[in-house]
Amino acid sequence: MLVDKSANRANTRRTVFFQRCSVGVVTACATSLALAHSIEGGDASFVASINGPAIGPFIYLGAKHMVTGYDHLLFLVGVIFFLYRPADVIKYVTLFAVGHSITLLAGVLGGLQVNAYLIDAIIGLSIVYKAFENLGGFERLLGFTIDARLAVFIFGLFHGLGLATKLQEFSLSDNGLVTNIISFNMGVEIGQILALSGVFILLTLWRTTESYLRHAFTTNIVLMTGGILLTFYQLNGYFLTGY
């Protein structure tokens, strides 16, 4: 009896711990969405002054941008939330990576110009979409489903444009530009792998408790709220700046 009670108490504490960690991380990210990330401070000075290939620094900048990119990470949290097999996680994350790599390179190297506010608003909507899909909203409320693989790829294109707009804020030197942008993209992938590895481990541990499915609805509502906040914040910036 004492052993059973101790085991139950330990399981309860573990359940509460992972529940608070998971929901707390998502909540913290959601409340930070209004401060959409960009390249600032010393990083901005470095990017503006660079003239020539700088592989290591640009890999670092790309990784840092992804790890601190709440909008990109929240979307990917939604993507992997109900993916249990590592193979499925790799498949969807690869689709996202291919999408954002295409438009990141096309935006910076090909000169594809887009409005940063509108792109970031669409990125916010991508979070809303994924949370809504996780809740079964399309099938239960609208009577249809969307191919999740296609949606992840398409939204990856928009996320890549969002990354491109951050670099387009600077007058980048043509000397070493291709090398630096490819290095930046490599850094983005490294940062994505590091961040998602931690999220997937946390989700896997949380799934061993009863609270996972019990609080899945709340967690995705928080994700959706974060996406809505980001969308309206960016649209507000779009109209206030007179675009």
C-alpha atoms as a PDB file:
ATOM      1  CA  MET A   1       0.000   0.000   0.000  1.00  0.00           C
ATOM      2  CA  LEU A   2       2.762   2.436   0.934  1.00  0.00           C
ATOM      3  CA  VAL A   3       4.626   1.591  -2.248  1.00  0.00           C
ATOM      4  CA  ASP A   4       1.488   2.165  -4.337  1.00  0.00           C
ATOM      5  CA  LYS A   5       0.808   5.494  -2.661  1.00  0.00           C
ATOM      6  CA  SER A   6       4.401   6.624  -3.171  1.00  0.00           C
ATOM      7  CA  ALA A   7       4.258   5.611  -6.816  1.00  0.00           C
ATOM      8  CA  ASN A   8       0.996   7.483  -7.302  1.00  0.00           C
ATOM      9  CA  ARG A   9       2.392  10.598  -5.656  1.00  0.00           C
ATOM     10  CA  ALA A  10       5.511  10.414  -7.844  1.00  0.00           C
ATOM     11  CA  ASN A  11       3.411   9.975 -10.957  1.00  0.00           C
ATOM     12  CA  THR A  12       1.196  12.911  -9.962  1.00  0.00           C
ATOM     13  CA  ARG A  13       4.208  15.147  -9.377  1.00  0.00           C
ATOM     14  CA  ARG A  14       5.660  14.141 -12.736  1.00  0.00           C
ATOM     15  CA  THR A  15       2.339  14.808 -14.445  1.00  0.00           C
ATOM     16  CA  VAL A  16       2.069  18.273 -12.936  1.00  0.00           C
ATOM     17  CA  PHE A  17       5.706  19.040 -13.755  1.00  0.00           C
ATOM     18  CA  PHE A  18       5.448  18.201 -17.457  1.00  0.00           C
ATOM     19  CA  GLN A  19       2.043  19.821 -17.736  1.00  0.00           C
ATOM     20  CA  ARG A  20       3.324  23.089 -16.266  1.00  0.00           C
ATOM     21  CA  CYS A  21       6.544  22.977 -18.289  1.00  0.00           C
ATOM     22  CA  SER A  22       4.811  22.333 -21.601  1.00  0.00           C
ATOM     23  CA  VAL A  23       1.937  24.755 -21.181  1.00  0.00           C
ATOM     24  CA  GLY A  24       4.253  27.281 -19.537  1.00  0.00           C
ATOM     25  CA  VAL A  25       6.702  27.242 -22.441  1.00  0.00           C
ATOM     26  CA  VAL A  26       3.910  27.652 -24.974  1.00  0.00           C
ATOM     27  CA  THR A  27       2.354  30.452 -22.935  1.00  0.00           C
ATOM     28  CA  ALA A  28       5.667  32.261 -22.604  1.00  0.00           C
ATOM     29  CA  CYS A  29       6.206  32.043 -26.340  1.00  0.00           C
ATOM     30  CA  ALA A  30       2.670  33.208 -27.045  1.00  0.00           C
ATOM     31  CA  THR A  31       2.988  36.280 -24.855  1.00  0.00           C
ATOM     32  CA  SER A  32       6.285  37.100 -26.578  1.00  0.00           C
ATOM     33  CA  LEU A  33       4.794  37.007 -30.058  1.00  0.00           C
ATOM     34  CA  ALA A  34       3.892  40.663 -30.019  1.00  0.00           C
ATOM     35  CA  LEU A  35       7.644  41.360 -29.950  1.00  0.00           C
ATOM     36  CA  ALA A  36       8.307  39.674 -33.284  1.00  0.00           C
ATOM     37  CA  HIS A  37      12.003  38.907 -33.546  1.00  0.00           C
ATOM     38  CA  SER A  38      14.436  40.612 -35.886  1.00  0.00           C
ATOM     39  CA  ILE A  39      18.185  40.972 -36.250  1.00  0.00           C
ATOM     40  CA  GLU A  40      19.215  43.729 -33.851  1.00  0.00           C
ATOM     41  CA  GLY A  41      22.070  45.098 -31.776  1.00  0.00           C
ATOM     42  CA  GLY A  42      25.528  43.712 -32.370  1.00  0.00           C
ATOM     43  CA  ASP A  43      24.183  41.134 -34.821  1.00  0.00           C
ATOM     44  CA  ALA A  44      22.677  43.892 -36.957  1.00  0.00           C
ATOM     45  CA  SER A  45      25.935  45.875 -36.923  1.00  0.00           C
ATOM     46  CA  PHE A  46      27.843  42.770 -37.992  1.00  0.00           C
ATOM     47  CA  VAL A  47      25.483  41.933 -40.866  1.00  0.00           C
ATOM     48  CA  ALA A  48      25.550  45.523 -42.110  1.00  0.00           C
ATOM     49  CA  SER A  49      29.338  45.729 -42.055  1.00  0.00           C
ATOM     50  CA  ILE A  50      30.317  42.326 -43.446  1.00  0.00           C
ATOM     51  CA  ASN A  51      32.131  42.297 -46.779  1.00  0.00           C
ATOM     52  CA  GLY A  52      33.090  38.824 -47.905  1.00  0.00           C
ATOM     53  CA  PRO A  53      32.333  35.232 -46.904  1.00  0.00           C
ATOM     54  CA  ALA A  54      31.676  34.693 -43.172  1.00  0.00           C
ATOM     55  CA  ILE A  55      30.460  31.109 -42.909  1.00  0.00           C
ATOM     56  CA  GLY A  56      30.725  30.578 -39.145  1.00  0.00           C
ATOM     57  CA  PRO A  57      29.118  33.859 -38.062  1.00  0.00           C
ATOM     58  CA  PHE A  58      26.208  33.455 -40.475  1.00  0.00           C
ATOM     59  CA  ILE A  59      25.598  29.869 -39.336  1.00  0.00           C
ATOM     60  CA  TYR A  60      25.482  31.224 -35.780  1.00  0.00           C
ATOM     61  CA  LEU A  61      23.081  34.020 -36.765  1.00  0.00           C
ATOM     62  CA  GLY A  62      20.774  31.580 -38.554  1.00  0.00           C
ATOM     63  CA  ALA A  63      20.705  29.181 -35.597  1.00  0.00           C
ATOM     64  CA  LYS A  64      20.136  32.016 -33.140  1.00  0.00           C
ATOM     65  CA  HIS A  65      17.341  33.455 -35.262  1.00  0.00           C
ATOM     66  CA  MET A  66      15.497  30.129 -35.349  1.00  0.00           C
ATOM     67  CA  VAL A  67      15.978  29.290 -31.663  1.00  0.00           C
ATOM     68  CA  THR A  68      14.633  32.736 -30.674  1.00  0.00           C
ATOM     69  CA  GLY A  69      12.005  32.753 -33.423  1.00  0.00           C
ATOM     70  CA  TYR A  70       8.827  32.238 -31.424  1.00  0.00           C
ATOM     71  CA  ASP A  71       6.609  32.347 -34.505  1.00  0.00           C
ATOM     72  CA  HIS A  72       8.516  29.600 -36.332  1.00  0.00           C
ATOM     73  CA  LEU A  73       8.818  27.445 -33.216  1.00  0.00           C
ATOM     74  CA  LEU A  74       5.159  27.705 -32.225  1.00  0.00           C
ATOM     75  CA  PHE A  75       4.124  26.600 -35.692  1.00  0.00           C
ATOM     76  CA  LEU A  76       6.472  23.603 -35.491  1.00  0.00           C
ATOM     77  CA  VAL A  77       5.243  22.744 -31.984  1.00  0.00           C
ATOM     78  CA  GLY A  78       1.765  22.559 -33.485  1.00  0.00           C
ATOM     79  CA  VAL A  79       3.058  20.418 -36.350  1.00  0.00           C
ATOM     80  CA  ILE A  80       4.672  17.785 -34.113  1.00  0.00           C
ATOM     81  CA  PHE A  81       2.171  17.939 -31.250  1.00  0.00           C
ATOM     82  CA  PHE A  82       0.356  14.757 -32.300  1.00  0.00           C
ATOM     83  CA  LEU A  83       3.275  13.109 -34.121  1.00  0.00           C
ATOM     84  CA  TYR A  84       4.509  10.158 -32.095  1.00  0.00           C
ATOM     85  CA  ARG A  85       7.060   8.580 -34.429  1.00  0.00           C
ATOM     86  CA  PRO A  86      10.420  10.267 -35.091  1.00  0.00           C
ATOM     87  CA  ALA A  87      10.069   9.289 -38.768  1.00  0.00           C
ATOM     88  CA  ASP A  88       6.867  11.340 -39.042  1.00  0.00           C
ATOM     89  CA  VAL A  89       8.500  14.292 -37.296  1.00  0.00           C
ATOM     90  CA  ILE A  90      11.420  14.153 -39.734  1.00  0.00           C
ATOM     91  CA  LYS A  91       9.043  13.972 -42.710  1.00  0.00           C
ATOM     92  CA  TYR A  92       7.028  17.046 -41.748  1.00  0.00           C
ATOM     93  CA  VAL A  93       9.992  19.088 -40.558  1.00  0.00           C
ATOM     94  CA  THR A  94      11.789  18.295 -43.824  1.00  0.00           C
ATOM     95  CA  LEU A  95       8.819  19.583 -45.830  1.00  0.00           C
ATOM     96  CA  PHE A  96       8.876  22.765 -43.757  1.00  0.00           C
ATOM     97  CA  ALA A  97      12.656  23.109 -44.176  1.00  0.00           C
ATOM     98  CA  VAL A  98      12.500  22.668 -47.961  1.00  0.00           C
ATOM     99  CA  GLY A  99       9.753  25.280 -48.175  1.00  0.00           C
ATOM    100  CA  HIS A 100      11.470  27.954 -46.130  1.00  0.00           C
ATOM    101  CA  SER A 101      14.853  27.268 -47.771  1.00  0.00           C
ATOM    102  CA  ILE A 102      13.390  27.918 -51.227  1.00  0.00           C
ATOM    103  CA  THR A 103      11.905  31.291 -50.355  1.00  0.00           C
ATOM    104  CA  LEU A 104      14.747  32.399 -48.093  1.00  0.00           C
ATOM    105  CA  LEU A 105      17.200  31.946 -50.948  1.00  0.00           C
ATOM    106  CA  ALA A 106      14.775  33.347 -53.540  1.00  0.00           C
ATOM    107  CA  GLY A 107      13.998  36.357 -51.367  1.00  0.00           C
ATOM    108  CA  VAL A 108      17.581  37.379 -50.667  1.00  0.00           C
ATOM    109  CA  LEU A 109      19.444  36.122 -53.728  1.00  0.00           C
ATOM    110  CA  GLY A 110      16.614  36.522 -56.235  1.00  0.00           C
ATOM    111  CA  GLY A 111      15.435  39.882 -54.957  1.00  0.00           C
ATOM    112  CA  LEU A 112      11.887  38.714 -54.211  1.00  0.00           C
ATOM    113  CA  GLN A 113      10.389  41.626 -52.285  1.00  0.00           C
ATOM    114  CA  VAL A 114       7.387  41.191 -49.991  1.00  0.00           C
ATOM    115  CA  ASN A 115       5.835  43.227 -47.212  1.00  0.00           C
ATOM    116  CA  ALA A 116       7.285  42.056 -43.901  1.00  0.00           C
ATOM    117  CA  TYR A 117       4.134  42.881 -41.916  1.00  0.00           C
ATOM    118  CA  LEU A 118       1.853  40.888 -44.205  1.00  0.00           C
ATOM    119  CA  ILE A 119       4.224  37.911 -44.310  1.00  0.00           C
ATOM    120  CA  ASP A 120       4.495  37.861 -40.511  1.00  0.00           C
ATOM    121  CA  ALA A 121       0.692  38.085 -40.304  1.00  0.00           C
ATOM    122  CA  ILE A 122       0.433  35.008 -42.538  1.00  0.00           C
ATOM    123  CA  ILE A 123       2.985  33.266 -40.301  1.00  0.00           C
ATOM    124  CA  GLY A 124       0.665  34.034 -37.383  1.00  0.00           C
ATOM    125  CA  LEU A 125      -2.207  32.506 -39.332  1.00  0.00           C
ATOM    126  CA  SER A 126      -0.109  29.378 -39.906  1.00  0.00           C
ATOM    127  CA  ILE A 127      -0.008  28.884 -36.126  1.00  0.00           C
ATOM    128  CA  VAL A 128      -3.776  29.400 -35.941  1.00  0.00           C
ATOM    129  CA  TYR A 129      -4.283  26.892 -38.755  1.00  0.00           C
ATOM    130  CA  LYS A 130      -2.176  24.163 -37.130  1.00  0.00           C
ATOM    131  CA  ALA A 131      -3.744  24.560 -33.698  1.00  0.00           C
ATOM    132  CA  PHE A 132      -7.228  24.557 -35.265  1.00  0.00           C
ATOM    133  CA  GLU A 133      -6.380  21.396 -37.194  1.00  0.00           C
ATOM    134  CA  ASN A 134      -5.015  19.735 -34.049  1.00  0.00           C
ATOM    135  CA  LEU A 135      -8.362  20.447 -32.397  1.00  0.00           C
ATOM    136  CA  GLY A 136     -10.161  18.755 -35.298  1.00  0.00           C
ATOM    137  CA  GLY A 137     -11.784  22.027 -36.255  1.00  0.00           C
ATOM    138  CA  PHE A 138     -11.729  21.586 -40.026  1.00  0.00           C
ATOM    139  CA  GLU A 139     -13.376  18.183 -39.987  1.00  0.00           C
ATOM    140  CA  ARG A 140     -15.846  18.721 -37.146  1.00  0.00           C
ATOM    141  CA  LEU A 141     -16.875  22.324 -37.845  1.00  0.00           C
ATOM    142  CA  LEU A 142     -16.251  22.794 -41.561  1.00  0.00           C
ATOM    143  CA  GLY A 143     -16.717  19.253 -42.831  1.00  0.00           C
ATOM    144  CA  PHE A 144     -13.451  18.902 -44.721  1.00  0.00           C
ATOM    145  CA  THR A 145      -9.780  18.234 -44.112  1.00  0.00           C
ATOM    146  CA  ILE A 146      -6.607  19.775 -45.507  1.00  0.00           C
ATOM    147  CA  ASP A 147      -3.589  17.758 -46.592  1.00  0.00           C
ATOM    148  CA  ALA A 148      -1.289  18.462 -43.655  1.00  0.00           C
ATOM    149  CA  ARG A 149       1.864  17.731 -45.667  1.00  0.00           C
ATOM    150  CA  LEU A 150       0.945  20.220 -48.369  1.00  0.00           C
ATOM    151  CA  ALA A 151      -0.061  22.824 -45.792  1.00  0.00           C
ATOM    152  CA  VAL A 152       3.229  22.483 -43.889  1.00  0.00           C
ATOM    153  CA  PHE A 153       5.193  22.896 -47.125  1.00  0.00           C
ATOM    154  CA  ILE A 154       3.192  25.936 -48.254  1.00  0.00           C
ATOM    155  CA  PHE A 155       3.451  27.630 -44.876  1.00  0.00           C
ATOM    156  CA  GLY A 156       7.157  26.799 -44.941  1.00  0.00           C
ATOM    157  CA  LEU A 157       7.368  28.991 -48.054  1.00  0.00           C
ATOM    158  CA  PHE A 158       5.844  31.886 -46.127  1.00  0.00           C
ATOM    159  CA  HIS A 159       8.101  31.321 -43.118  1.00  0.00           C
ATOM    160  CA  GLY A 160      11.089  31.456 -45.477  1.00  0.00           C
ATOM    161  CA  LEU A 161       9.899  34.792 -46.840  1.00  0.00           C
ATOM    162  CA  GLY A 162       9.643  35.985 -43.247  1.00  0.00           C
ATOM    163  CA  LEU A 163      13.291  35.041 -42.724  1.00  0.00           C
ATOM    164  CA  ALA A 164      14.218  36.781 -45.978  1.00  0.00           C
ATOM    165  CA  THR A 165      12.579  40.054 -44.949  1.00  0.00           C
ATOM    166  CA  LYS A 166      14.813  40.192 -41.859  1.00  0.00           C
ATOM    167  CA  LEU A 167      17.927  40.063 -44.054  1.00  0.00           C
ATOM    168  CA  GLN A 168      16.480  42.418 -46.664  1.00  0.00           C
ATOM    169  CA  GLU A 169      16.497  45.151 -44.025  1.00  0.00           C
ATOM    170  CA  PHE A 170      20.271  45.416 -44.621  1.00  0.00           C
ATOM    171  CA  SER A 171      22.331  46.427 -47.635  1.00  0.00           C
ATOM    172  CA  LEU A 172      24.176  43.145 -47.988  1.00  0.00           C
ATOM    173  CA  SER A 173      27.451  43.154 -49.887  1.00  0.00           C
ATOM    174  CA  ASP A 174      27.530  41.097 -53.076  1.00  0.00           C
ATOM    175  CA  ASN A 175      30.962  39.870 -52.034  1.00  0.00           C
ATOM    176  CA  GLY A 176      30.350  36.447 -50.488  1.00  0.00           C
ATOM    177  CA  LEU A 177      26.568  36.941 -50.515  1.00  0.00           C
ATOM    178  CA  VAL A 178      25.704  33.456 -51.795  1.00  0.00           C
ATOM    179  CA  THR A 179      28.032  31.781 -49.302  1.00  0.00           C
ATOM    180  CA  ASN A 180      26.690  33.851 -46.417  1.00  0.00           C
ATOM    181  CA  ILE A 181      23.018  33.262 -47.199  1.00  0.00           C
ATOM    182  CA  ILE A 182      23.543  29.529 -47.613  1.00  0.00           C
ATOM    183  CA  SER A 183      25.434  29.551 -44.304  1.00  0.00           C
ATOM    184  CA  PHE A 184      22.576  31.447 -42.676  1.00  0.00           C
ATOM    185  CA  ASN A 185      20.124  28.861 -43.979  1.00  0.00           C
ATOM    186  CA  MET A 186      22.328  26.054 -42.647  1.00  0.00           C
ATOM    187  CA  GLY A 187      22.264  27.770 -39.263  1.00  0.00           C
ATOM    188  CA  VAL A 188      18.480  27.990 -39.400  1.00  0.00           C
ATOM    189  CA  GLU A 189      18.310  24.225 -39.946  1.00  0.00           C
ATOM    190  CA  ILE A 190      20.732  23.563 -37.081  1.00  0.00           C
ATOM    191  CA  GLY A 191      18.740  25.809 -34.754  1.00  0.00           C
ATOM    192  CA  GLN A 192      15.526  24.133 -35.846  1.00  0.00           C
ATOM    193  CA  ILE A 193      16.914  20.665 -35.098  1.00  0.00           C
ATOM    194  CA  LEU A 194      18.206  21.712 -31.673  1.00  0.00           C
ATOM    195  CA  ALA A 195      14.991  23.444 -30.652  1.00  0.00           C
ATOM    196  CA  LEU A 196      12.667  20.724 -31.921  1.00  0.00           C
ATOM    197  CA  SER A 197      14.749  17.970 -30.356  1.00  0.00           C
ATOM    198  CA  GLY A 198      14.125  19.551 -26.968  1.00  0.00           C
ATOM    199  CA  VAL A 199      10.422  20.051 -27.697  1.00  0.00           C
ATOM    200  CA  PHE A 200      10.006  16.474 -28.937  1.00  0.00           C
ATOM    201  CA  ILE A 201      11.732  15.049 -25.860  1.00  0.00           C
ATOM    202  CA  LEU A 202       9.490  17.134 -23.615  1.00  0.00           C
ATOM    203  CA  LEU A 203       6.368  16.063 -25.490  1.00  0.00           C
ATOM    204  CA  THR A 204       7.454  12.414 -25.375  1.00  0.00           C
ATOM    205  CA  LEU A 205       7.892  12.579 -21.609  1.00  0.00           C
ATOM    206  CA  TRP A 206       4.589  14.413 -21.198  1.00  0.00           C
ATOM    207  CA  ARG A 207       2.833  11.699 -23.208  1.00  0.00           C
ATOM    208  CA  THR A 208       3.737   9.169 -20.511  1.00  0.00           C
ATOM    209  CA  THR A 209       1.343  10.970 -18.162  1.00  0.00           C
ATOM    210  CA  GLU A 210      -2.429  11.113 -18.134  1.00  0.00           C
ATOM    211  CA  SER A 211      -2.432  14.891 -18.385  1.00  0.00           C
ATOM    212  CA  TYR A 212      -1.195  14.927 -21.979  1.00  0.00           C
ATOM    213  CA  LEU A 213      -4.500  14.187 -23.692  1.00  0.00           C
ATOM    214  CA  ARG A 214      -6.429  15.877 -20.914  1.00  0.00           C
ATOM    215  CA  HIS A 215      -4.670  19.185 -21.546  1.00  0.00           C
ATOM    216  CA  ALA A 216      -4.079  18.854 -25.290  1.00  0.00           C
ATOM    217  CA  PHE A 217      -7.131  21.018 -25.973  1.00  0.00           C
ATOM    218  CA  THR A 218      -5.938  23.814 -23.678  1.00  0.00           C
ATOM    219  CA  THR A 219      -2.424  23.738 -25.093  1.00  0.00           C
ATOM    220  CA  ASN A 220      -3.672  24.112 -28.655  1.00  0.00           C
ATOM    221  CA  ILE A 221      -6.014  26.904 -27.622  1.00  0.00           C
ATOM    222  CA  VAL A 222      -2.935  28.703 -26.247  1.00  0.00           C
ATOM    223  CA  LEU A 223      -1.151  28.088 -29.550  1.00  0.00           C
ATOM    224  CA  MET A 224      -4.108  29.464 -31.473  1.00  0.00           C
ATOM    225  CA  THR A 225      -4.282  32.517 -29.223  1.00  0.00           C
ATOM    226  CA  GLY A 226      -0.595  33.195 -29.804  1.00  0.00           C
ATOM    227  CA  GLY A 227      -1.124  33.003 -33.560  1.00  0.00           C
ATOM    228  CA  ILE A 228      -4.089  35.360 -33.400  1.00  0.00           C
ATOM    229  CA  LEU A 229      -2.085  37.863 -31.329  1.00  0.00           C
ATOM    230  CA  LEU A 230       0.771  37.803 -33.811  1.00  0.00           C
ATOM    231  CA  THR A 231      -1.570  38.161 -36.787  1.00  0.00           C
ATOM    232  CA  PHE A 232      -3.388  41.199 -35.391  1.00  0.00           C
ATOM    233  CA  TYR A 233      -0.166  42.790 -34.164  1.00  0.00           C
ATOM    234  CA  GLN A 234       1.395  42.553 -37.624  1.00  0.00           C
ATOM    235  CA  LEU A 235      -1.750  43.746 -39.405  1.00  0.00           C
ATOM    236  CA  ASN A 236      -1.867  46.692 -37.030  1.00  0.00           C
ATOM    237  CA  GLY A 237       1.742  47.510 -37.954  1.00  0.00           C
ATOM    238  CA  TYR A 238       0.877  47.209 -41.639  1.00  0.00           C
ATOM    239  CA  PHE A 239      -1.946  49.743 -41.464  1.00  0.00           C
ATOM    240  CA  LEU A 240      -0.176  52.137 -39.081  1.00  0.00           C
ATOM    241  CA  THR A 241       2.886  52.377 -41.321  1.00  0.00           C
ATOM    242  CA  GLY A 242       0.680  53.341 -44.249  1.00  0.00           C
ATOM    243  CA  TYR A 243       1.524  50.470 -46.570  1.00  0.00           C
END
